[in-house]
Amino acid sequence: QRFFFQASKPGQFENDSDVLWQRGHVPETAVYHGRVGINTDAPDEALVVCGNAKVMGRVMHPSDSREKQSIREVDTNEQLRRITQMRLVEYDYKPESASVMGIKDT
């Protein structure tokens, strides 16, 4: 994939410290040092997408079973005992957080 970015006045920025997009070390990559927001001007994570996202490939996550090995069954009685020792809670999102995240049922 190729990414193309163009400033409104190419090559002209207020100062060099404002240039956060850089060419990546790997061919055909771009690097941004900071948070990126799509349909939001207040991203609170590395990437925040407010709206639908279409992925035409795999999305990898550390919890993905394809990234694990030595997967084995555990003693369910022992695990249930451990669960009963956990503190379980219910919560409501703060209205200001819910609105930023697009959550209607807080």
Protein backbone atom coordinates (compact mmCIF):
# COMPACT_ATOMS: atom_id res chain seq x y z
CA GLN A 1 0.00 0.00 0.00
CA ARG A 2 1.09 3.54 -0.60
CA PHE A 3 0.22 6.59 1.45
CA PHE A 4 0.21 10.10 0.01
CA PHE A 5 -0.07 13.23 2.12
CA GLN A 6 0.02 16.76 0.80
CA ALA A 7 0.10 19.97 2.80
CA SER A 8 -2.00 22.90 1.65
CA LYS A 9 1.30 24.67 0.89
CA PRO A 10 3.73 21.80 0.20
CA GLY A 11 7.11 22.32 1.79
CA GLN A 12 5.95 25.29 3.87
CA PHE A 13 5.37 24.75 7.58
CA GLU A 14 5.39 27.25 10.41
CA ASN A 15 8.59 25.68 11.71
CA ASP A 16 10.40 22.36 11.44
CA SER A 17 9.11 21.16 14.83
CA ASP A 18 5.54 21.15 13.40
CA VAL A 19 6.46 18.41 10.90
CA LEU A 20 5.21 15.23 12.57
CA TRP A 21 4.79 13.01 9.48
CA GLN A 22 8.01 11.40 8.33
CA ARG A 23 9.02 8.84 5.75
CA GLY A 24 9.36 5.44 7.45
CA HIS A 25 12.53 3.36 7.52
CA VAL A 26 10.68 0.57 5.70
CA PRO A 27 9.86 1.32 2.04
CA GLU A 28 6.43 2.81 1.32
CA THR A 29 5.68 3.70 4.96
CA ALA A 30 4.91 6.91 6.81
CA VAL A 31 5.40 7.60 10.51
CA TYR A 32 3.46 10.06 12.64
CA HIS A 33 4.72 10.97 16.10
CA GLY A 34 1.57 11.79 18.06
CA ARG A 35 -2.12 10.92 18.11
CA VAL A 36 -4.22 10.58 14.96
CA GLY A 37 -7.95 11.29 14.89
CA ILE A 38 -10.32 10.47 12.04
CA ASN A 39 -13.61 12.40 12.32
CA THR A 40 -12.47 13.78 15.68
CA ASP A 41 -10.21 16.64 16.68
CA ALA A 42 -9.61 15.21 20.17
CA PRO A 43 -7.99 11.77 19.85
CA ASP A 44 -7.16 10.35 23.28
CA GLU A 45 -5.33 7.26 21.98
CA ALA A 46 -2.71 6.63 19.30
CA LEU A 47 -5.50 6.19 16.71
CA VAL A 48 -9.16 7.12 17.19
CA VAL A 49 -11.67 6.46 14.41
CA CYS A 50 -15.15 7.93 14.94
CA GLY A 51 -17.18 6.09 12.35
CA ASN A 52 -16.93 2.86 10.42
CA ALA A 53 -13.58 1.42 9.36
CA LYS A 54 -13.12 -1.01 6.48
CA VAL A 55 -10.19 -3.41 6.69
CA MET A 56 -9.20 -5.33 3.58
CA GLY A 57 -6.81 -7.66 5.38
CA ARG A 58 -6.02 -9.04 8.80
CA VAL A 59 -6.13 -7.04 12.02
CA MET A 60 -3.64 -8.50 14.44
CA HIS A 61 -4.06 -8.19 18.19
CA PRO A 62 -1.85 -9.63 20.95
CA SER A 63 -4.85 -11.72 22.06
CA ASP A 64 -5.16 -13.34 18.63
CA SER A 65 -4.82 -17.14 18.94
CA ARG A 66 -2.78 -17.15 15.72
CA GLU A 67 -0.03 -15.37 17.67
CA LYS A 68 0.15 -17.89 20.54
CA GLN A 69 1.69 -21.26 21.18
CA SER A 70 1.50 -23.87 23.95
CA ILE A 71 -2.26 -23.36 24.35
CA ARG A 72 -3.57 -25.90 26.87
CA GLU A 73 -6.65 -26.66 28.97
CA VAL A 74 -6.68 -25.53 32.62
CA ASP A 75 -8.29 -26.90 35.77
CA THR A 76 -11.73 -25.26 35.62
CA ASN A 77 -12.43 -25.81 39.33
CA GLU A 78 -9.27 -23.92 40.25
CA GLN A 79 -10.12 -21.13 37.81
CA LEU A 80 -13.67 -20.81 39.21
CA ARG A 81 -12.21 -20.55 42.72
CA ARG A 82 -9.94 -17.74 41.54
CA ILE A 83 -12.86 -15.96 39.84
CA THR A 84 -14.89 -16.00 43.06
CA GLN A 85 -12.04 -14.05 44.68
CA MET A 86 -12.21 -11.29 42.06
CA ARG A 87 -13.87 -7.94 42.70
CA LEU A 88 -16.64 -7.57 40.12
CA VAL A 89 -18.18 -4.16 39.43
CA GLU A 90 -20.79 -2.45 37.27
CA TYR A 91 -20.30 1.08 36.00
CA ASP A 92 -21.70 3.89 33.88
CA TYR A 93 -19.57 5.95 31.53
CA LYS A 94 -19.24 9.62 32.36
CA PRO A 95 -21.46 11.55 29.89
CA GLU A 96 -18.50 13.53 28.50
CA SER A 97 -16.52 10.33 27.88
CA ALA A 98 -19.50 8.55 26.33
CA SER A 99 -20.13 11.39 23.87
CA VAL A 100 -16.47 11.47 22.76
CA MET A 101 -16.48 7.68 22.22
CA GLY A 102 -19.85 7.71 20.45
CA ILE A 103 -21.52 5.57 23.15
CA LYS A 104 -25.26 6.21 23.47
CA ASP A 105 -26.12 3.66 26.21
CA THR A 106 -23.82 4.62 29.08
